[in-house]
Amino acid sequence: MRRTILMLGLAWSLSFPAAAHQCVLEGSTSEAIQSYNACKLDLATGQSGHGGDDQSEELARLKAENERLKARLADVRQRLLGLLGDL
């Protein structure tokens, strides 16, 4: 029963990053909050500014984010294996 709950909890928590949008709050500083708000406003008005010139920069950003998420997933897997080992 515990394993089922742990697996469901893990699956549920990992589903959120997949549904996340490209606007990510990267800190609690005023600059980070302003950047996040500007991104959300651009998306709401349809002026996201992600044209052809920005594609290489966006691709690099997405690749870096992908690597961070892979590392995070590996960490979560290790923690889950440790929890399962304790049962």
PDB file of N, CA and C in Angstrom:
ATOM      1  N   MET A   1       0.817  -1.192   0.000  1.00  0.00           N
ATOM      2  CA  MET A   1       0.000   0.000   0.000  1.00  0.00           C
ATOM      3  C   MET A   1       0.862   1.259   0.000  1.00  0.00           C
ATOM      4  N   ARG A   2       1.924   1.230   0.802  1.00  0.00           N
ATOM      5  CA  ARG A   2       2.815   2.398   0.862  1.00  0.00           C
ATOM      6  C   ARG A   2       3.483   2.644  -0.483  1.00  0.00           C
ATOM      7  N   ARG A   3       3.884   1.565  -1.131  1.00  0.00           N
ATOM      8  CA  ARG A   3       4.542   1.717  -2.435  1.00  0.00           C
ATOM      9  C   ARG A   3       3.604   2.346  -3.445  1.00  0.00           C
ATOM     10  N   THR A   4       2.373   1.936  -3.430  1.00  0.00           N
ATOM     11  CA  THR A   4       1.389   2.493  -4.353  1.00  0.00           C
ATOM     12  C   THR A   4       1.218   3.982  -4.107  1.00  0.00           C
ATOM     13  N   ILE A   5       1.119   4.360  -2.848  1.00  0.00           N
ATOM     14  CA  ILE A   5       0.961   5.775  -2.511  1.00  0.00           C
ATOM     15  C   ILE A   5       2.205   6.560  -2.923  1.00  0.00           C
ATOM     16  N   LEU A   6       3.381   6.014  -2.671  1.00  0.00           N
ATOM     17  CA  LEU A   6       4.616   6.699  -3.057  1.00  0.00           C
ATOM     18  C   LEU A   6       4.714   6.853  -4.573  1.00  0.00           C
ATOM     19  N   MET A   7       4.366   5.814  -5.296  1.00  0.00           N
ATOM     20  CA  MET A   7       4.447   5.885  -6.754  1.00  0.00           C
ATOM     21  C   MET A   7       3.434   6.878  -7.312  1.00  0.00           C
ATOM     22  N   LEU A   8       2.227   6.879  -6.768  1.00  0.00           N
ATOM     23  CA  LEU A   8       1.224   7.841  -7.214  1.00  0.00           C
ATOM     24  C   LEU A   8       1.652   9.265  -6.887  1.00  0.00           C
ATOM     25  N   GLY A   9       2.220   9.448  -5.711  1.00  0.00           N
ATOM     26  CA  GLY A   9       2.710  10.777  -5.334  1.00  0.00           C
ATOM     27  C   GLY A   9       3.829  11.242  -6.240  1.00  0.00           C
ATOM     28  N   LEU A  10       4.735  10.345  -6.574  1.00  0.00           N
ATOM     29  CA  LEU A  10       5.836  10.694  -7.475  1.00  0.00           C
ATOM     30  C   LEU A  10       5.313  11.035  -8.859  1.00  0.00           C
ATOM     31  N   ALA A  11       4.427  10.215  -9.390  1.00  0.00           N
ATOM     32  CA  ALA A  11       3.868  10.473 -10.715  1.00  0.00           C
ATOM     33  C   ALA A  11       3.114  11.795 -10.737  1.00  0.00           C
ATOM     34  N   TRP A  12       2.375  12.079  -9.674  1.00  0.00           N
ATOM     35  CA  TRP A  12       1.619  13.315  -9.598  1.00  0.00           C
ATOM     36  C   TRP A  12       2.548  14.527  -9.552  1.00  0.00           C
ATOM     37  N   SER A  13       3.603  14.445  -8.756  1.00  0.00           N
ATOM     38  CA  SER A  13       4.510  15.590  -8.623  1.00  0.00           C
ATOM     39  C   SER A  13       5.331  15.820  -9.882  1.00  0.00           C
ATOM     40  N   LEU A  14       5.641  14.771 -10.614  1.00  0.00           N
ATOM     41  CA  LEU A  14       6.425  14.937 -11.839  1.00  0.00           C
ATOM     42  C   LEU A  14       5.577  15.416 -13.003  1.00  0.00           C
ATOM     43  N   SER A  15       4.273  15.365 -12.883  1.00  0.00           N
ATOM     44  CA  SER A  15       3.415  15.802 -13.978  1.00  0.00           C
ATOM     45  C   SER A  15       3.379  17.321 -14.093  1.00  0.00           C
ATOM     46  N   PHE A  16       3.663  18.040 -13.028  1.00  0.00           N
ATOM     47  CA  PHE A  16       3.581  19.488 -13.067  1.00  0.00           C
ATOM     48  C   PHE A  16       4.630  20.137 -13.965  1.00  0.00           C
ATOM     49  N   PRO A  17       5.910  19.751 -13.930  1.00  0.00           N
ATOM     50  CA  PRO A  17       6.861  20.402 -14.822  1.00  0.00           C
ATOM     51  C   PRO A  17       6.527  20.200 -16.291  1.00  0.00           C
ATOM     52  N   ALA A  18       5.917  19.101 -16.635  1.00  0.00           N
ATOM     53  CA  ALA A  18       5.570  18.856 -18.025  1.00  0.00           C
ATOM     54  C   ALA A  18       4.490  19.811 -18.499  1.00  0.00           C
ATOM     55  N   ALA A  19       3.638  20.250 -17.591  1.00  0.00           N
ATOM     56  CA  ALA A  19       2.553  21.142 -17.958  1.00  0.00           C
ATOM     57  C   ALA A  19       2.943  22.611 -17.801  1.00  0.00           C
ATOM     58  N   ALA A  20       4.123  22.891 -17.273  1.00  0.00           N
ATOM     59  CA  ALA A  20       4.546  24.261 -17.018  1.00  0.00           C
ATOM     60  C   ALA A  20       4.790  25.005 -18.320  1.00  0.00           C
ATOM     61  N   HIS A  21       4.665  26.314 -18.261  1.00  0.00           N
ATOM     62  CA  HIS A  21       4.894  27.135 -19.442  1.00  0.00           C
ATOM     63  C   HIS A  21       6.296  27.705 -19.394  1.00  0.00           C
ATOM     64  N   GLN A  22       6.678  28.423 -20.423  1.00  0.00           N
ATOM     65  CA  GLN A  22       8.033  28.916 -20.534  1.00  0.00           C
ATOM     66  C   GLN A  22       8.355  30.058 -19.580  1.00  0.00           C
ATOM     67  N   CYS A  23       7.370  30.682 -18.983  1.00  0.00           N
ATOM     68  CA  CYS A  23       7.618  31.735 -18.009  1.00  0.00           C
ATOM     69  C   CYS A  23       7.906  31.087 -16.656  1.00  0.00           C
ATOM     70  N   VAL A  24       9.148  31.223 -16.198  1.00  0.00           N
ATOM     71  CA  VAL A  24       9.558  30.582 -14.954  1.00  0.00           C
ATOM     72  C   VAL A  24      10.112  31.652 -14.021  1.00  0.00           C
ATOM     73  N   LEU A  25       9.589  31.692 -12.820  1.00  0.00           N
ATOM     74  CA  LEU A  25      10.093  32.617 -11.809  1.00  0.00           C
ATOM     75  C   LEU A  25      11.398  32.042 -11.274  1.00  0.00           C
ATOM     76  N   GLU A  26      12.493  32.735 -11.519  1.00  0.00           N
ATOM     77  CA  GLU A  26      13.818  32.207 -11.207  1.00  0.00           C
ATOM     78  C   GLU A  26      14.431  32.806  -9.957  1.00  0.00           C
ATOM     79  N   GLY A  27      13.630  33.352  -9.095  1.00  0.00           N
ATOM     80  CA  GLY A  27      14.164  33.911  -7.864  1.00  0.00           C
ATOM     81  C   GLY A  27      13.145  34.821  -7.207  1.00  0.00           C
ATOM     82  N   SER A  28      13.533  35.399  -6.100  1.00  0.00           N
ATOM     83  CA  SER A  28      12.615  36.279  -5.381  1.00  0.00           C
ATOM     84  C   SER A  28      13.064  37.741  -5.439  1.00  0.00           C
ATOM     85  N   THR A  29      14.034  38.030  -6.292  1.00  0.00           N
ATOM     86  CA  THR A  29      14.480  39.411  -6.424  1.00  0.00           C
ATOM     87  C   THR A  29      13.470  40.192  -7.246  1.00  0.00           C
ATOM     88  N   SER A  30      13.520  41.498  -7.135  1.00  0.00           N
ATOM     89  CA  SER A  30      12.577  42.323  -7.887  1.00  0.00           C
ATOM     90  C   SER A  30      12.793  42.184  -9.391  1.00  0.00           C
ATOM     91  N   GLU A  31      14.050  42.014  -9.821  1.00  0.00           N
ATOM     92  CA  GLU A  31      14.329  41.847 -11.245  1.00  0.00           C
ATOM     93  C   GLU A  31      13.730  40.549 -11.774  1.00  0.00           C
ATOM     94  N   ALA A  32      13.851  39.476 -11.014  1.00  0.00           N
ATOM     95  CA  ALA A  32      13.306  38.186 -11.437  1.00  0.00           C
ATOM     96  C   ALA A  32      11.786  38.249 -11.510  1.00  0.00           C
ATOM     97  N   ILE A  33      11.165  38.911 -10.544  1.00  0.00           N
ATOM     98  CA  ILE A  33       9.711  39.029 -10.526  1.00  0.00           C
ATOM     99  C   ILE A  33       9.237  39.897 -11.686  1.00  0.00           C
ATOM    100  N   GLN A  34       9.949  40.985 -11.968  1.00  0.00           N
ATOM    101  CA  GLN A  34       9.581  41.843 -13.085  1.00  0.00           C
ATOM    102  C   GLN A  34       9.717  41.105 -14.417  1.00  0.00           C
ATOM    103  N   SER A  35      10.766  40.323 -14.559  1.00  0.00           N
ATOM    104  CA  SER A  35      10.966  39.552 -15.779  1.00  0.00           C
ATOM    105  C   SER A  35       9.852  38.527 -15.957  1.00  0.00           C
ATOM    106  N   TYR A  36       9.490  37.867 -14.880  1.00  0.00           N
ATOM    107  CA  TYR A  36       8.404  36.882 -14.916  1.00  0.00           C
ATOM    108  C   TYR A  36       7.082  37.551 -15.285  1.00  0.00           C
ATOM    109  N   ASN A  37       6.788  38.678 -14.649  1.00  0.00           N
ATOM    110  CA  ASN A  37       5.545  39.390 -14.939  1.00  0.00           C
ATOM    111  C   ASN A  37       5.499  39.882 -16.379  1.00  0.00           C
ATOM    112  N   ALA A  38       6.625  40.356 -16.896  1.00  0.00           N
ATOM    113  CA  ALA A  38       6.685  40.809 -18.285  1.00  0.00           C
ATOM    114  C   ALA A  38       6.439  39.644 -19.240  1.00  0.00           C
ATOM    115  N   CYS A  39       6.996  38.500 -18.920  1.00  0.00           N
ATOM    116  CA  CYS A  39       6.784  37.314 -19.745  1.00  0.00           C
ATOM    117  C   CYS A  39       5.316  36.935 -19.768  1.00  0.00           C
ATOM    118  N   LYS A  40       4.677  36.908 -18.589  1.00  0.00           N
ATOM    119  CA  LYS A  40       3.261  36.559 -18.517  1.00  0.00           C
ATOM    120  C   LYS A  40       2.405  37.582 -19.268  1.00  0.00           C
ATOM    121  N   LEU A  41       2.744  38.853 -19.168  1.00  0.00           N
ATOM    122  CA  LEU A  41       2.000  39.883 -19.874  1.00  0.00           C
ATOM    123  C   LEU A  41       2.151  39.705 -21.384  1.00  0.00           C
ATOM    124  N   ASP A  42       3.374  39.430 -21.835  1.00  0.00           N
ATOM    125  CA  ASP A  42       3.603  39.204 -23.259  1.00  0.00           C
ATOM    126  C   ASP A  42       2.783  38.020 -23.768  1.00  0.00           C
ATOM    127  N   LEU A  43       2.710  36.970 -22.986  1.00  0.00           N
ATOM    128  CA  LEU A  43       1.921  35.807 -23.394  1.00  0.00           C
ATOM    129  C   LEU A  43       0.434  36.141 -23.429  1.00  0.00           C
ATOM    130  N   ALA A  44      -0.022  36.935 -22.483  1.00  0.00           N
ATOM    131  CA  ALA A  44      -1.442  37.294 -22.423  1.00  0.00           C
ATOM    132  C   ALA A  44      -1.846  38.181 -23.593  1.00  0.00           C
ATOM    133  N   THR A  45      -0.933  39.036 -24.043  1.00  0.00           N
ATOM    134  CA  THR A  45      -1.242  39.947 -25.152  1.00  0.00           C
ATOM    135  C   THR A  45      -0.865  39.362 -26.504  1.00  0.00           C
ATOM    136  N   GLY A  46      -0.249  38.185 -26.514  1.00  0.00           N
ATOM    137  CA  GLY A  46       0.129  37.555 -27.780  1.00  0.00           C
ATOM    138  C   GLY A  46       1.397  38.116 -28.379  1.00  0.00           C
ATOM    139  N   GLN A  47       2.159  38.833 -27.599  1.00  0.00           N
ATOM    140  CA  GLN A  47       3.410  39.432 -28.079  1.00  0.00           C
ATOM    141  C   GLN A  47       4.588  38.818 -27.342  1.00  0.00           C
ATOM    142  N   SER A  48       4.719  37.504 -27.429  1.00  0.00           N
ATOM    143  CA  SER A  48       5.745  36.831 -26.638  1.00  0.00           C
ATOM    144  C   SER A  48       7.155  37.143 -27.106  1.00  0.00           C
ATOM    145  N   GLY A  49       7.307  37.653 -28.325  1.00  0.00           N
ATOM    146  CA  GLY A  49       8.628  38.052 -28.783  1.00  0.00           C
ATOM    147  C   GLY A  49       9.561  36.894 -29.059  1.00  0.00           C
ATOM    148  N   HIS A  50       9.013  35.720 -29.279  1.00  0.00           N
ATOM    149  CA  HIS A  50       9.852  34.569 -29.578  1.00  0.00           C
ATOM    150  C   HIS A  50       9.871  34.335 -31.078  1.00  0.00           C
ATOM    151  N   GLY A  51      10.412  35.290 -31.793  1.00  0.00           N
ATOM    152  CA  GLY A  51      10.464  35.198 -33.249  1.00  0.00           C
ATOM    153  C   GLY A  51      11.646  34.374 -33.717  1.00  0.00           C
ATOM    154  N   GLY A  52      11.912  34.418 -35.006  1.00  0.00           N
ATOM    155  CA  GLY A  52      12.976  33.624 -35.604  1.00  0.00           C
ATOM    156  C   GLY A  52      14.360  33.969 -35.086  1.00  0.00           C
ATOM    157  N   ASP A  53      14.612  35.230 -34.764  1.00  0.00           N
ATOM    158  CA  ASP A  53      15.926  35.639 -34.284  1.00  0.00           C
ATOM    159  C   ASP A  53      16.237  35.068 -32.912  1.00  0.00           C
ATOM    160  N   ASP A  54      15.214  34.833 -32.126  1.00  0.00           N
ATOM    161  CA  ASP A  54      15.405  34.355 -30.768  1.00  0.00           C
ATOM    162  C   ASP A  54      15.417  32.831 -30.663  1.00  0.00           C
ATOM    163  N   GLN A  55      15.266  32.132 -31.777  1.00  0.00           N
ATOM    164  CA  GLN A  55      15.134  30.678 -31.707  1.00  0.00           C
ATOM    165  C   GLN A  55      16.386  29.998 -31.187  1.00  0.00           C
ATOM    166  N   SER A  56      17.559  30.434 -31.594  1.00  0.00           N
ATOM    167  CA  SER A  56      18.786  29.787 -31.124  1.00  0.00           C
ATOM    168  C   SER A  56      18.990  30.039 -29.631  1.00  0.00           C
ATOM    169  N   GLU A  57      18.671  31.232 -29.197  1.00  0.00           N
ATOM    170  CA  GLU A  57      18.780  31.553 -27.770  1.00  0.00           C
ATOM    171  C   GLU A  57      17.767  30.744 -26.966  1.00  0.00           C
ATOM    172  N   GLU A  58      16.549  30.646 -27.491  1.00  0.00           N
ATOM    173  CA  GLU A  58      15.507  29.865 -26.817  1.00  0.00           C
ATOM    174  C   GLU A  58      15.885  28.385 -26.791  1.00  0.00           C
ATOM    175  N   LEU A  59      16.454  27.886 -27.861  1.00  0.00           N
ATOM    176  CA  LEU A  59      16.888  26.487 -27.917  1.00  0.00           C
ATOM    177  C   LEU A  59      17.964  26.215 -26.875  1.00  0.00           C
ATOM    178  N   ALA A  60      18.920  27.117 -26.743  1.00  0.00           N
ATOM    179  CA  ALA A  60      19.971  26.954 -25.738  1.00  0.00           C
ATOM    180  C   ALA A  60      19.386  26.967 -24.329  1.00  0.00           C
ATOM    181  N   ARG A  61      18.433  27.859 -24.101  1.00  0.00           N
ATOM    182  CA  ARG A  61      17.786  27.925 -22.796  1.00  0.00           C
ATOM    183  C   ARG A  61      17.018  26.641 -22.497  1.00  0.00           C
ATOM    184  N   LEU A  62      16.315  26.142 -23.488  1.00  0.00           N
ATOM    185  CA  LEU A  62      15.556  24.912 -23.299  1.00  0.00           C
ATOM    186  C   LEU A  62      16.464  23.705 -23.080  1.00  0.00           C
ATOM    187  N   LYS A  63      17.593  23.673 -23.765  1.00  0.00           N
ATOM    188  CA  LYS A  63      18.540  22.572 -23.545  1.00  0.00           C
ATOM    189  C   LYS A  63      19.102  22.610 -22.133  1.00  0.00           C
ATOM    190  N   ALA A  64      19.414  23.802 -21.653  1.00  0.00           N
ATOM    191  CA  ALA A  64      19.917  23.934 -20.284  1.00  0.00           C
ATOM    192  C   ALA A  64      18.842  23.532 -19.276  1.00  0.00           C
ATOM    193  N   GLU A  65      17.610  23.954 -19.528  1.00  0.00           N
ATOM    194  CA  GLU A  65      16.513  23.572 -18.640  1.00  0.00           C
ATOM    195  C   GLU A  65      16.302  22.060 -18.671  1.00  0.00           C
ATOM    196  N   ASN A  66      16.419  21.467 -19.839  1.00  0.00           N
ATOM    197  CA  ASN A  66      16.278  20.023 -19.979  1.00  0.00           C
ATOM    198  C   ASN A  66      17.330  19.287 -19.156  1.00  0.00           C
ATOM    199  N   GLU A  67      18.552  19.767 -19.179  1.00  0.00           N
ATOM    200  CA  GLU A  67      19.616  19.134 -18.402  1.00  0.00           C
ATOM    201  C   GLU A  67      19.350  19.271 -16.899  1.00  0.00           C
ATOM    202  N   ARG A  68      18.874  20.442 -16.478  1.00  0.00           N
ATOM    203  CA  ARG A  68      18.531  20.629 -15.062  1.00  0.00           C
ATOM    204  C   ARG A  68      17.420  19.675 -14.640  1.00  0.00           C
ATOM    205  N   LEU A  69      16.424  19.526 -15.501  1.00  0.00           N
ATOM    206  CA  LEU A  69      15.309  18.646 -15.174  1.00  0.00           C
ATOM    207  C   LEU A  69      15.741  17.181 -15.152  1.00  0.00           C
ATOM    208  N   LYS A  70      16.648  16.804 -16.045  1.00  0.00           N
ATOM    209  CA  LYS A  70      17.171  15.434 -16.027  1.00  0.00           C
ATOM    210  C   LYS A  70      17.917  15.158 -14.725  1.00  0.00           C
ATOM    211  N   ALA A  71      18.712  16.123 -14.285  1.00  0.00           N
ATOM    212  CA  ALA A  71      19.431  15.960 -13.020  1.00  0.00           C
ATOM    213  C   ALA A  71      18.464  15.883 -11.852  1.00  0.00           C
ATOM    214  N   ARG A  72      17.433  16.695 -11.893  1.00  0.00           N
ATOM    215  CA  ARG A  72      16.424  16.674 -10.824  1.00  0.00           C
ATOM    216  C   ARG A  72      15.689  15.331 -10.803  1.00  0.00           C
ATOM    217  N   LEU A  73      15.364  14.817 -11.981  1.00  0.00           N
ATOM    218  CA  LEU A  73      14.688  13.527 -12.081  1.00  0.00           C
ATOM    219  C   LEU A  73      15.582  12.410 -11.551  1.00  0.00           C
ATOM    220  N   ALA A  74      16.857  12.447 -11.876  1.00  0.00           N
ATOM    221  CA  ALA A  74      17.781  11.434 -11.370  1.00  0.00           C
ATOM    222  C   ALA A  74      17.847  11.492  -9.847  1.00  0.00           C
ATOM    223  N   ASP A  75      17.846  12.699  -9.297  1.00  0.00           N
ATOM    224  CA  ASP A  75      17.861  12.860  -7.845  1.00  0.00           C
ATOM    225  C   ASP A  75      16.589  12.297  -7.216  1.00  0.00           C
ATOM    226  N   VAL A  76      15.455  12.584  -7.821  1.00  0.00           N
ATOM    227  CA  VAL A  76      14.180  12.076  -7.295  1.00  0.00           C
ATOM    228  C   VAL A  76      14.156  10.554  -7.368  1.00  0.00           C
ATOM    229  N   ARG A  77      14.658   9.996  -8.452  1.00  0.00           N
ATOM    230  CA  ARG A  77      14.711   8.534  -8.585  1.00  0.00           C
ATOM    231  C   ARG A  77      15.575   7.910  -7.491  1.00  0.00           C
ATOM    232  N   GLN A  78      16.710   8.520  -7.215  1.00  0.00           N
ATOM    233  CA  GLN A  78      17.584   8.002  -6.171  1.00  0.00           C
ATOM    234  C   GLN A  78      16.905   8.072  -4.806  1.00  0.00           C
ATOM    235  N   ARG A  79      16.232   9.167  -4.548  1.00  0.00           N
ATOM    236  CA  ARG A  79      15.519   9.305  -3.271  1.00  0.00           C
ATOM    237  C   ARG A  79      14.402   8.268  -3.159  1.00  0.00           C
ATOM    238  N   LEU A  80      13.700   8.064  -4.255  1.00  0.00           N
ATOM    239  CA  LEU A  80      12.616   7.086  -4.246  1.00  0.00           C
ATOM    240  C   LEU A  80      13.158   5.683  -4.016  1.00  0.00           C
ATOM    241  N   LEU A  81      14.259   5.355  -4.664  1.00  0.00           N
ATOM    242  CA  LEU A  81      14.872   4.043  -4.449  1.00  0.00           C
ATOM    243  C   LEU A  81      15.310   3.898  -2.995  1.00  0.00           C
ATOM    244  N   GLY A  82      15.816   4.965  -2.418  1.00  0.00           N
ATOM    245  CA  GLY A  82      16.194   4.917  -1.000  1.00  0.00           C
ATOM    246  C   GLY A  82      14.994   4.704  -0.104  1.00  0.00           C
ATOM    247  N   LEU A  83      13.891   5.371  -0.415  1.00  0.00           N
ATOM    248  CA  LEU A  83      12.672   5.179   0.381  1.00  0.00           C
ATOM    249  C   LEU A  83      12.135   3.773   0.231  1.00  0.00           C
ATOM    250  N   LEU A  84      12.150   3.271  -0.978  1.00  0.00           N
ATOM    251  CA  LEU A  84      11.667   1.911  -1.203  1.00  0.00           C
ATOM    252  C   LEU A  84      12.566   0.880  -0.529  1.00  0.00           C
ATOM    253  N   GLY A  85      13.841   1.166  -0.476  1.00  0.00           N
ATOM    254  CA  GLY A  85      14.768   0.277   0.194  1.00  0.00           C
ATOM    255  C   GLY A  85      14.540   0.225   1.696  1.00  0.00           C
ATOM    256  N   ASP A  86      14.046   1.327   2.266  1.00  0.00           N
ATOM    257  CA  ASP A  86      13.774   1.389   3.700  1.00  0.00           C
ATOM    258  C   ASP A  86      12.521   0.607   4.092  1.00  0.00           C
ATOM    259  N   LEU A  87      11.680   0.322   3.109  1.00  0.00           N
ATOM    260  CA  LEU A  87      10.447  -0.422   3.427  1.00  0.00           C
ATOM    261  C   LEU A  87      10.819  -1.833   3.635  1.00  0.00           C
TER     262      LEU A  87
END
